[in-house]
Amino acid sequence: MLFRSRQPLTLIERARLLMWPRRSFARSGLYLAKRLYRLKASPHKIAVGCAAGVFASITPLIGVQMVMAAAITIILRGSLAAAMFGTLISNPLSWPLIWWSTYAMGRAMIGSPGPAEAAVLGHSSVPVWPILYPMLIGSIPIGLASAAVSYGLVARGVELMRERGARGPLEERLRDLVGPAWRLW
């Protein structure tokens, strides 16, 4: 192969690369931004797909997030590729924050169970349900809010990068888009 490594990666190196990129998160973010910018769809379709992916990633249903994102994107007529990029929000580094926030929101929405409800939940045939139910309930408002924010950011970002397309490298356009926060990267 032309670009194959001479020494194959060990299992530990592969696991590390799944959790932490080789160069930096900023470089990986620039790569994903460039991929979104180059999609052959309108900014609205790209933003809808990305928002659907973000909404699906907030749910605690890890095995079906991409399928859920694809279904939502097809219903809303967005970009499937952008939906798959949107599901990258959910990763092993972000799971603790997502799960804690959805569980806390769900507990606040359904309230703390009384003794009768706790007895029913405790004798459930599925021992995960007392934890999963509040997470599912809490993931709806957090997912909708996250999807709305991501829709706005992605739609505006793609519009800006396309209208300033020939002015310079991608980093310059992202600096214009993000502003002073660029220095934090």
N, C-alpha and C. Protein backbone atom coordinates (compact mmCIF):
# COMPACT_ATOMS: atom_id res chain seq x y z
N MET A 1 0.84 -1.18 0.00
CA MET A 1 0.00 0.00 0.00
C MET A 1 0.89 1.24 0.00
N LEU A 2 0.37 2.29 -0.55
CA LEU A 2 1.15 3.50 -0.72
C LEU A 2 1.38 4.24 0.60
N PHE A 3 0.33 4.41 1.41
CA PHE A 3 0.45 5.20 2.63
C PHE A 3 0.35 4.35 3.89
N ARG A 4 0.67 3.11 3.78
CA ARG A 4 0.58 2.21 4.92
C ARG A 4 1.81 2.37 5.81
N SER A 5 1.62 2.24 7.11
CA SER A 5 2.72 2.31 8.05
C SER A 5 3.60 1.07 7.92
N ARG A 6 4.89 1.25 8.10
CA ARG A 6 5.79 0.10 7.99
C ARG A 6 5.61 -0.88 9.13
N GLN A 7 5.32 -0.34 10.30
CA GLN A 7 5.07 -1.20 11.45
C GLN A 7 3.60 -1.11 11.81
N PRO A 8 2.91 -2.23 11.89
CA PRO A 8 1.49 -2.18 12.24
C PRO A 8 1.30 -1.70 13.68
N LEU A 9 0.18 -1.03 13.90
CA LEU A 9 -0.12 -0.51 15.23
C LEU A 9 -0.49 -1.64 16.17
N THR A 10 -0.04 -1.52 17.42
CA THR A 10 -0.44 -2.50 18.43
C THR A 10 -1.85 -2.17 18.90
N LEU A 11 -2.41 -3.07 19.66
CA LEU A 11 -3.76 -2.88 20.17
C LEU A 11 -3.83 -1.67 21.11
N ILE A 12 -2.82 -1.47 21.91
CA ILE A 12 -2.78 -0.33 22.83
C ILE A 12 -2.69 0.98 22.05
N GLU A 13 -1.89 1.01 20.99
CA GLU A 13 -1.78 2.23 20.17
C GLU A 13 -3.09 2.54 19.46
N ARG A 14 -3.80 1.52 18.99
CA ARG A 14 -5.10 1.74 18.35
C ARG A 14 -6.10 2.30 19.35
N ALA A 15 -6.11 1.75 20.56
CA ALA A 15 -7.03 2.25 21.59
C ALA A 15 -6.71 3.69 21.94
N ARG A 16 -5.44 4.04 22.02
CA ARG A 16 -5.07 5.42 22.32
C ARG A 16 -5.51 6.37 21.21
N LEU A 17 -5.35 5.94 19.97
CA LEU A 17 -5.75 6.79 18.84
C LEU A 17 -7.26 6.99 18.78
N LEU A 18 -8.03 6.03 19.29
CA LEU A 18 -9.48 6.21 19.36
C LEU A 18 -9.86 7.29 20.37
N MET A 19 -9.07 7.40 21.43
CA MET A 19 -9.38 8.35 22.50
C MET A 19 -8.69 9.70 22.29
N TRP A 20 -7.52 9.72 21.70
CA TRP A 20 -6.72 10.93 21.60
C TRP A 20 -6.06 10.99 20.23
N PRO A 21 -6.29 12.03 19.44
CA PRO A 21 -5.70 12.08 18.10
C PRO A 21 -4.18 12.25 18.15
N ARG A 22 -3.53 11.92 17.04
CA ARG A 22 -2.06 12.00 16.98
C ARG A 22 -1.56 13.42 17.11
N ARG A 23 -2.13 14.34 16.39
CA ARG A 23 -1.63 15.72 16.41
C ARG A 23 -2.28 16.51 17.53
N SER A 24 -3.55 16.87 17.37
CA SER A 24 -4.27 17.63 18.39
C SER A 24 -5.75 17.61 18.05
N PHE A 25 -6.55 18.03 19.03
CA PHE A 25 -7.98 18.12 18.79
C PHE A 25 -8.29 19.27 17.84
N ALA A 26 -7.50 20.33 17.89
CA ALA A 26 -7.72 21.47 16.99
C ALA A 26 -7.53 21.04 15.54
N ARG A 27 -6.49 20.26 15.28
CA ARG A 27 -6.25 19.80 13.90
C ARG A 27 -7.36 18.87 13.44
N SER A 28 -7.82 18.00 14.33
CA SER A 28 -8.93 17.11 13.98
C SER A 28 -10.20 17.91 13.74
N GLY A 29 -10.42 18.95 14.54
CA GLY A 29 -11.58 19.81 14.35
C GLY A 29 -11.52 20.55 13.03
N LEU A 30 -10.34 21.03 12.66
CA LEU A 30 -10.18 21.70 11.36
C LEU A 30 -10.46 20.74 10.21
N TYR A 31 -10.01 19.51 10.36
CA TYR A 31 -10.26 18.50 9.33
C TYR A 31 -11.77 18.26 9.16
N LEU A 32 -12.49 18.12 10.29
CA LEU A 32 -13.93 17.89 10.21
C LEU A 32 -14.64 19.11 9.64
N ALA A 33 -14.20 20.32 10.02
CA ALA A 33 -14.80 21.53 9.47
C ALA A 33 -14.61 21.59 7.96
N LYS A 34 -13.43 21.21 7.51
CA LYS A 34 -13.16 21.22 6.07
C LYS A 34 -14.03 20.19 5.36
N ARG A 35 -14.23 19.04 5.97
CA ARG A 35 -15.08 18.02 5.37
C ARG A 35 -16.53 18.50 5.27
N LEU A 36 -17.03 19.17 6.33
CA LEU A 36 -18.39 19.70 6.28
C LEU A 36 -18.51 20.79 5.21
N TYR A 37 -17.51 21.63 5.11
CA TYR A 37 -17.50 22.72 4.14
C TYR A 37 -17.55 22.19 2.71
N ARG A 38 -16.92 21.07 2.47
CA ARG A 38 -16.83 20.52 1.12
C ARG A 38 -18.01 19.63 0.73
N LEU A 39 -18.95 19.38 1.62
CA LEU A 39 -20.10 18.56 1.26
C LEU A 39 -20.91 19.25 0.17
N LYS A 40 -21.43 18.47 -0.73
CA LYS A 40 -22.21 19.01 -1.86
C LYS A 40 -23.68 19.10 -1.47
N ALA A 41 -24.00 20.01 -0.58
CA ALA A 41 -25.37 20.24 -0.17
C ALA A 41 -25.50 21.69 0.28
N SER A 42 -26.74 22.12 0.46
CA SER A 42 -26.94 23.50 0.92
C SER A 42 -26.56 23.60 2.40
N PRO A 43 -26.25 24.80 2.87
CA PRO A 43 -25.93 24.96 4.29
C PRO A 43 -27.06 24.49 5.21
N HIS A 44 -28.30 24.67 4.76
CA HIS A 44 -29.44 24.21 5.56
C HIS A 44 -29.43 22.70 5.70
N LYS A 45 -29.23 21.98 4.60
CA LYS A 45 -29.22 20.52 4.66
C LYS A 45 -28.06 19.99 5.50
N ILE A 46 -26.91 20.63 5.38
CA ILE A 46 -25.76 20.22 6.19
C ILE A 46 -26.04 20.45 7.66
N ALA A 47 -26.62 21.61 7.98
CA ALA A 47 -26.92 21.94 9.37
C ALA A 47 -28.00 21.03 9.95
N VAL A 48 -29.00 20.68 9.15
CA VAL A 48 -30.05 19.76 9.61
C VAL A 48 -29.46 18.39 9.91
N GLY A 49 -28.61 17.90 9.02
CA GLY A 49 -27.98 16.60 9.25
C GLY A 49 -27.11 16.61 10.49
N CYS A 50 -26.33 17.66 10.66
CA CYS A 50 -25.46 17.75 11.83
C CYS A 50 -26.28 17.85 13.11
N ALA A 51 -27.36 18.62 13.09
CA ALA A 51 -28.22 18.75 14.27
C ALA A 51 -28.89 17.42 14.61
N ALA A 52 -29.29 16.67 13.60
CA ALA A 52 -29.89 15.35 13.85
C ALA A 52 -28.87 14.41 14.48
N GLY A 53 -27.63 14.47 14.00
CA GLY A 53 -26.58 13.65 14.59
C GLY A 53 -26.28 14.03 16.03
N VAL A 54 -26.27 15.32 16.31
CA VAL A 54 -26.02 15.77 17.69
C VAL A 54 -27.17 15.34 18.60
N PHE A 55 -28.42 15.49 18.14
CA PHE A 55 -29.55 15.06 18.95
C PHE A 55 -29.48 13.56 19.25
N ALA A 56 -29.17 12.76 18.23
CA ALA A 56 -29.09 11.31 18.44
C ALA A 56 -27.94 10.95 19.37
N SER A 57 -26.85 11.73 19.34
CA SER A 57 -25.70 11.41 20.20
C SER A 57 -25.98 11.68 21.66
N ILE A 58 -26.91 12.57 21.96
CA ILE A 58 -27.20 12.90 23.36
C ILE A 58 -28.01 11.78 24.02
N THR A 59 -28.71 10.99 23.25
CA THR A 59 -29.48 9.90 23.84
C THR A 59 -28.53 8.82 24.39
N PRO A 60 -28.96 8.10 25.41
CA PRO A 60 -28.09 7.08 25.99
C PRO A 60 -28.08 5.76 25.22
N LEU A 61 -28.70 5.71 24.08
CA LEU A 61 -28.79 4.48 23.29
C LEU A 61 -27.59 4.37 22.37
N ILE A 62 -26.48 3.91 22.91
CA ILE A 62 -25.21 3.94 22.19
C ILE A 62 -25.23 3.11 20.92
N GLY A 63 -25.83 1.96 20.91
CA GLY A 63 -25.77 1.09 19.75
C GLY A 63 -26.59 1.55 18.56
N VAL A 64 -27.52 2.46 18.76
CA VAL A 64 -28.42 2.85 17.67
C VAL A 64 -28.33 4.33 17.33
N GLN A 65 -27.30 5.02 17.79
CA GLN A 65 -27.23 6.46 17.57
C GLN A 65 -27.09 6.82 16.10
N MET A 66 -26.28 6.10 15.35
CA MET A 66 -26.11 6.41 13.92
C MET A 66 -27.37 6.07 13.14
N VAL A 67 -28.03 4.99 13.50
CA VAL A 67 -29.27 4.63 12.82
C VAL A 67 -30.35 5.67 13.12
N MET A 68 -30.41 6.10 14.39
CA MET A 68 -31.37 7.13 14.78
C MET A 68 -31.08 8.44 14.05
N ALA A 69 -29.81 8.82 13.97
CA ALA A 69 -29.44 10.04 13.27
C ALA A 69 -29.81 9.96 11.80
N ALA A 70 -29.58 8.81 11.18
CA ALA A 70 -29.92 8.64 9.77
C ALA A 70 -31.43 8.72 9.56
N ALA A 71 -32.21 8.11 10.45
CA ALA A 71 -33.66 8.15 10.32
C ALA A 71 -34.19 9.57 10.47
N ILE A 72 -33.70 10.30 11.46
CA ILE A 72 -34.13 11.68 11.66
C ILE A 72 -33.73 12.54 10.46
N THR A 73 -32.53 12.32 9.95
CA THR A 73 -32.06 13.09 8.81
C THR A 73 -32.87 12.82 7.55
N ILE A 74 -33.24 11.57 7.33
CA ILE A 74 -34.06 11.23 6.16
C ILE A 74 -35.44 11.88 6.29
N ILE A 75 -36.01 11.85 7.48
CA ILE A 75 -37.33 12.46 7.69
C ILE A 75 -37.27 13.97 7.46
N LEU A 76 -36.20 14.62 7.95
CA LEU A 76 -36.07 16.07 7.82
C LEU A 76 -35.38 16.50 6.52
N ARG A 77 -34.97 15.55 5.69
CA ARG A 77 -34.33 15.79 4.39
C ARG A 77 -33.02 16.57 4.52
N GLY A 78 -32.17 16.08 5.40
CA GLY A 78 -30.86 16.68 5.59
C GLY A 78 -29.78 15.86 4.92
N SER A 79 -28.54 16.18 5.25
CA SER A 79 -27.39 15.49 4.69
C SER A 79 -26.99 14.33 5.60
N LEU A 80 -26.96 13.11 5.04
CA LEU A 80 -26.60 11.93 5.83
C LEU A 80 -25.14 11.98 6.28
N ALA A 81 -24.26 12.48 5.43
CA ALA A 81 -22.85 12.57 5.81
C ALA A 81 -22.67 13.53 6.98
N ALA A 82 -23.40 14.64 6.97
CA ALA A 82 -23.31 15.59 8.08
C ALA A 82 -23.90 14.98 9.35
N ALA A 83 -24.89 14.14 9.22
CA ALA A 83 -25.46 13.47 10.40
C ALA A 83 -24.43 12.55 11.05
N MET A 84 -23.65 11.86 10.23
CA MET A 84 -22.62 10.99 10.78
C MET A 84 -21.53 11.82 11.47
N PHE A 85 -21.21 12.99 10.91
CA PHE A 85 -20.26 13.89 11.59
C PHE A 85 -20.83 14.37 12.91
N GLY A 86 -22.14 14.63 12.94
CA GLY A 86 -22.78 15.11 14.17
C GLY A 86 -22.75 14.09 15.29
N THR A 87 -22.76 12.81 14.95
CA THR A 87 -22.71 11.78 15.99
C THR A 87 -21.34 11.69 16.65
N LEU A 88 -20.34 12.35 16.09
CA LEU A 88 -19.00 12.32 16.71
C LEU A 88 -18.95 13.11 18.01
N ILE A 89 -20.00 13.85 18.31
CA ILE A 89 -20.08 14.55 19.61
C ILE A 89 -20.05 13.52 20.74
N SER A 90 -20.66 12.39 20.49
CA SER A 90 -20.70 11.33 21.49
C SER A 90 -19.46 10.45 21.33
N ASN A 91 -18.59 10.49 22.31
CA ASN A 91 -17.38 9.68 22.31
C ASN A 91 -17.02 9.36 23.75
N PRO A 92 -16.09 8.47 23.99
CA PRO A 92 -15.78 8.09 25.37
C PRO A 92 -15.36 9.25 26.27
N LEU A 93 -14.84 10.31 25.70
CA LEU A 93 -14.48 11.47 26.53
C LEU A 93 -15.69 12.29 26.94
N SER A 94 -16.71 12.32 26.11
CA SER A 94 -17.89 13.13 26.43
C SER A 94 -19.02 12.35 27.09
N TRP A 95 -18.96 11.02 27.10
CA TRP A 95 -20.03 10.23 27.69
C TRP A 95 -20.30 10.56 29.16
N PRO A 96 -19.30 10.70 30.01
CA PRO A 96 -19.65 10.99 31.42
C PRO A 96 -20.44 12.29 31.57
N LEU A 97 -20.07 13.34 30.86
CA LEU A 97 -20.80 14.60 30.95
C LEU A 97 -22.21 14.46 30.38
N ILE A 98 -22.34 13.80 29.23
CA ILE A 98 -23.65 13.63 28.62
C ILE A 98 -24.55 12.79 29.52
N TRP A 99 -24.05 11.68 30.02
CA TRP A 99 -24.87 10.80 30.85
C TRP A 99 -25.25 11.46 32.16
N TRP A 100 -24.32 12.17 32.79
CA TRP A 100 -24.64 12.83 34.05
C TRP A 100 -25.70 13.91 33.82
N SER A 101 -25.53 14.71 32.78
CA SER A 101 -26.48 15.81 32.55
C SER A 101 -27.86 15.28 32.16
N THR A 102 -27.93 14.24 31.35
CA THR A 102 -29.24 13.71 30.98
C THR A 102 -29.92 13.03 32.17
N TYR A 103 -29.14 12.36 33.00
CA TYR A 103 -29.72 11.72 34.19
C TYR A 103 -30.23 12.78 35.16
N ALA A 104 -29.43 13.83 35.39
CA ALA A 104 -29.85 14.90 36.31
C ALA A 104 -31.09 15.61 35.78
N MET A 105 -31.13 15.89 34.48
CA MET A 105 -32.30 16.55 33.90
C MET A 105 -33.52 15.64 33.99
N GLY A 106 -33.35 14.36 33.71
CA GLY A 106 -34.47 13.43 33.80
C GLY A 106 -34.99 13.29 35.22
N ARG A 107 -34.10 13.25 36.19
CA ARG A 107 -34.54 13.18 37.59
C ARG A 107 -35.29 14.45 37.97
N ALA A 108 -34.84 15.59 37.49
CA ALA A 108 -35.54 16.85 37.78
C ALA A 108 -36.90 16.88 37.10
N MET A 109 -37.01 16.30 35.92
CA MET A 109 -38.29 16.33 35.19
C MET A 109 -39.31 15.37 35.77
N ILE A 110 -38.88 14.16 36.14
CA ILE A 110 -39.85 13.19 36.66
C ILE A 110 -39.95 13.22 38.16
N GLY A 111 -39.03 13.92 38.80
CA GLY A 111 -39.06 14.00 40.26
C GLY A 111 -38.47 12.76 40.88
N SER A 112 -38.26 12.84 42.16
CA SER A 112 -37.70 11.69 42.86
C SER A 112 -38.82 10.69 43.13
N PRO A 113 -38.59 9.41 42.90
CA PRO A 113 -39.67 8.43 43.05
C PRO A 113 -40.07 8.26 44.52
N GLY A 114 -41.37 8.07 44.72
CA GLY A 114 -41.87 7.77 46.06
C GLY A 114 -41.57 6.33 46.42
N PRO A 115 -41.97 5.90 47.63
CA PRO A 115 -41.66 4.52 48.04
C PRO A 115 -42.34 3.47 47.16
N ALA A 116 -43.57 3.74 46.69
CA ALA A 116 -44.26 2.76 45.85
C ALA A 116 -43.57 2.65 44.49
N GLU A 117 -43.22 3.79 43.91
CA GLU A 117 -42.55 3.77 42.61
C GLU A 117 -41.17 3.14 42.72
N ALA A 118 -40.45 3.40 43.81
CA ALA A 118 -39.13 2.82 44.00
C ALA A 118 -39.23 1.30 44.13
N ALA A 119 -40.29 0.81 44.77
CA ALA A 119 -40.46 -0.64 44.90
C ALA A 119 -40.74 -1.27 43.54
N VAL A 120 -41.55 -0.61 42.72
CA VAL A 120 -41.85 -1.14 41.38
C VAL A 120 -40.58 -1.12 40.53
N LEU A 121 -39.84 0.00 40.57
CA LEU A 121 -38.63 0.08 39.77
C LEU A 121 -37.57 -0.90 40.27
N GLY A 122 -37.52 -1.13 41.57
CA GLY A 122 -36.53 -2.04 42.13
C GLY A 122 -36.79 -3.49 41.77
N HIS A 123 -38.05 -3.85 41.53
CA HIS A 123 -38.40 -5.23 41.18
C HIS A 123 -38.60 -5.40 39.67
N SER A 124 -38.11 -4.49 38.92
CA SER A 124 -38.24 -4.57 37.47
C SER A 124 -37.42 -5.74 36.94
N SER A 125 -37.90 -6.33 35.85
CA SER A 125 -37.16 -7.44 35.25
C SER A 125 -35.89 -6.95 34.55
N VAL A 126 -35.84 -5.66 34.23
CA VAL A 126 -34.67 -5.07 33.60
C VAL A 126 -34.00 -4.16 34.63
N PRO A 127 -32.86 -4.56 35.19
CA PRO A 127 -32.25 -3.76 36.25
C PRO A 127 -31.70 -2.41 35.79
N VAL A 128 -31.56 -2.20 34.50
CA VAL A 128 -31.01 -0.95 33.98
C VAL A 128 -32.09 0.12 33.87
N TRP A 129 -33.35 -0.27 33.82
CA TRP A 129 -34.43 0.67 33.57
C TRP A 129 -34.51 1.82 34.57
N PRO A 130 -34.29 1.63 35.86
CA PRO A 130 -34.35 2.78 36.77
C PRO A 130 -33.32 3.87 36.47
N ILE A 131 -32.26 3.53 35.80
CA ILE A 131 -31.25 4.53 35.42
C ILE A 131 -31.51 5.02 34.00
N LEU A 132 -31.88 4.12 33.11
CA LEU A 132 -32.08 4.47 31.70
C LEU A 132 -33.30 5.35 31.48
N TYR A 133 -34.38 5.13 32.22
CA TYR A 133 -35.60 5.91 32.04
C TYR A 133 -35.38 7.41 32.28
N PRO A 134 -34.77 7.82 33.41
CA PRO A 134 -34.51 9.26 33.56
C PRO A 134 -33.55 9.81 32.51
N MET A 135 -32.59 8.99 32.08
CA MET A 135 -31.66 9.45 31.04
C MET A 135 -32.39 9.67 29.72
N LEU A 136 -33.31 8.79 29.37
CA LEU A 136 -34.08 8.97 28.13
C LEU A 136 -34.95 10.22 28.19
N ILE A 137 -35.62 10.41 29.34
CA ILE A 137 -36.48 11.58 29.50
C ILE A 137 -35.63 12.86 29.47
N GLY A 138 -34.51 12.86 30.16
CA GLY A 138 -33.66 14.04 30.22
C GLY A 138 -32.92 14.33 28.94
N SER A 139 -32.74 13.31 28.09
CA SER A 139 -32.01 13.54 26.85
C SER A 139 -32.83 14.32 25.83
N ILE A 140 -34.13 14.35 25.97
CA ILE A 140 -34.96 15.05 24.99
C ILE A 140 -34.74 16.57 25.04
N PRO A 141 -34.89 17.24 26.19
CA PRO A 141 -34.65 18.70 26.16
C PRO A 141 -33.19 19.06 25.92
N ILE A 142 -32.27 18.29 26.49
CA ILE A 142 -30.85 18.58 26.28
C ILE A 142 -30.47 18.34 24.82
N GLY A 143 -31.00 17.28 24.23
CA GLY A 143 -30.73 16.99 22.83
C GLY A 143 -31.32 18.04 21.90
N LEU A 144 -32.54 18.50 22.19
CA LEU A 144 -33.15 19.54 21.36
C LEU A 144 -32.37 20.85 21.46
N ALA A 145 -31.95 21.21 22.67
CA ALA A 145 -31.17 22.44 22.83
C ALA A 145 -29.82 22.33 22.13
N SER A 146 -29.17 21.19 22.27
CA SER A 146 -27.87 20.98 21.61
C SER A 146 -28.02 20.98 20.09
N ALA A 147 -29.10 20.38 19.60
CA ALA A 147 -29.34 20.35 18.16
C ALA A 147 -29.61 21.75 17.63
N ALA A 148 -30.35 22.56 18.38
CA ALA A 148 -30.63 23.93 17.93
C ALA A 148 -29.34 24.76 17.88
N VAL A 149 -28.50 24.61 18.89
CA VAL A 149 -27.23 25.34 18.89
C VAL A 149 -26.34 24.88 17.75
N SER A 150 -26.25 23.56 17.55
CA SER A 150 -25.39 23.05 16.48
C SER A 150 -25.93 23.44 15.11
N TYR A 151 -27.26 23.49 14.94
CA TYR A 151 -27.82 23.92 13.67
C TYR A 151 -27.39 25.35 13.36
N GLY A 152 -27.53 26.23 14.32
CA GLY A 152 -27.14 27.63 14.11
C GLY A 152 -25.67 27.79 13.80
N LEU A 153 -24.82 27.10 14.58
CA LEU A 153 -23.38 27.22 14.37
C LEU A 153 -22.94 26.65 13.02
N VAL A 154 -23.45 25.49 12.68
CA VAL A 154 -23.04 24.84 11.43
C VAL A 154 -23.57 25.60 10.22
N ALA A 155 -24.83 26.02 10.26
CA ALA A 155 -25.40 26.75 9.12
C ALA A 155 -24.64 28.05 8.87
N ARG A 156 -24.40 28.80 9.94
CA ARG A 156 -23.68 30.06 9.78
C ARG A 156 -22.23 29.82 9.38
N GLY A 157 -21.60 28.82 9.96
CA GLY A 157 -20.22 28.51 9.63
C GLY A 157 -20.02 28.11 8.19
N VAL A 158 -20.91 27.25 7.68
CA VAL A 158 -20.80 26.83 6.28
C VAL A 158 -21.07 28.01 5.34
N GLU A 159 -22.05 28.84 5.68
CA GLU A 159 -22.31 30.03 4.86
C GLU A 159 -21.10 30.95 4.82
N LEU A 160 -20.52 31.22 5.97
CA LEU A 160 -19.35 32.11 6.02
C LEU A 160 -18.17 31.53 5.25
N MET A 161 -17.92 30.24 5.43
CA MET A 161 -16.77 29.64 4.76
C MET A 161 -16.98 29.58 3.25
N ARG A 162 -18.21 29.42 2.81
CA ARG A 162 -18.47 29.39 1.37
C ARG A 162 -18.42 30.77 0.75
N GLU A 163 -18.91 31.78 1.44
CA GLU A 163 -18.88 33.12 0.84
C GLU A 163 -17.49 33.73 0.86
N ARG A 164 -16.66 33.30 1.78
CA ARG A 164 -15.28 33.77 1.84
C ARG A 164 -14.33 32.74 1.25
N GLY A 165 -14.87 31.83 0.48
CA GLY A 165 -14.16 30.66 -0.01
C GLY A 165 -12.79 30.88 -0.59
N ALA A 166 -12.59 31.87 -1.42
CA ALA A 166 -11.32 31.99 -2.12
C ALA A 166 -10.35 32.94 -1.41
N ARG A 167 -10.69 33.40 -0.21
CA ARG A 167 -9.87 34.42 0.42
C ARG A 167 -8.65 33.91 1.15
N GLY A 168 -8.57 32.67 1.47
CA GLY A 168 -7.39 32.21 2.19
C GLY A 168 -7.56 30.81 2.71
N PRO A 169 -6.60 30.36 3.47
CA PRO A 169 -6.69 28.99 4.00
C PRO A 169 -7.82 28.86 5.01
N LEU A 170 -8.17 27.62 5.27
CA LEU A 170 -9.28 27.33 6.16
C LEU A 170 -9.07 27.89 7.56
N GLU A 171 -7.84 27.89 8.03
CA GLU A 171 -7.57 28.39 9.37
C GLU A 171 -7.94 29.87 9.49
N GLU A 172 -7.66 30.65 8.46
CA GLU A 172 -8.00 32.07 8.49
C GLU A 172 -9.51 32.27 8.54
N ARG A 173 -10.22 31.46 7.78
CA ARG A 173 -11.68 31.58 7.78
C ARG A 173 -12.24 31.17 9.13
N LEU A 174 -11.67 30.13 9.75
CA LEU A 174 -12.14 29.73 11.07
C LEU A 174 -11.80 30.78 12.13
N ARG A 175 -10.68 31.44 11.97
CA ARG A 175 -10.34 32.53 12.90
C ARG A 175 -11.36 33.65 12.79
N ASP A 176 -11.80 33.96 11.56
CA ASP A 176 -12.82 34.98 11.38
C ASP A 176 -14.14 34.54 11.99
N LEU A 177 -14.47 33.25 11.88
CA LEU A 177 -15.73 32.73 12.38
C LEU A 177 -15.75 32.68 13.90
N VAL A 178 -14.70 32.15 14.51
CA VAL A 178 -14.68 31.95 15.95
C VAL A 178 -14.32 33.22 16.69
N GLY A 179 -13.44 34.02 16.14
CA GLY A 179 -13.05 35.28 16.78
C GLY A 179 -11.95 35.07 17.81
N PRO A 180 -12.04 35.78 18.93
CA PRO A 180 -10.98 35.71 19.94
C PRO A 180 -10.82 34.33 20.57
N ALA A 181 -11.84 33.49 20.49
CA ALA A 181 -11.75 32.14 21.07
C ALA A 181 -10.73 31.29 20.34
N TRP A 182 -10.30 31.72 19.13
CA TRP A 182 -9.31 30.96 18.36
C TRP A 182 -8.02 30.79 19.15
N ARG A 183 -7.65 31.79 19.94
CA ARG A 183 -6.41 31.74 20.68
C ARG A 183 -6.40 30.64 21.75
N LEU A 184 -7.58 30.20 22.16
CA LEU A 184 -7.66 29.12 23.17
C LEU A 184 -7.25 27.79 22.59
N TRP A 185 -7.30 27.63 21.26
CA TRP A 185 -6.91 26.37 20.63
C TRP A 185 -5.43 26.33 20.52
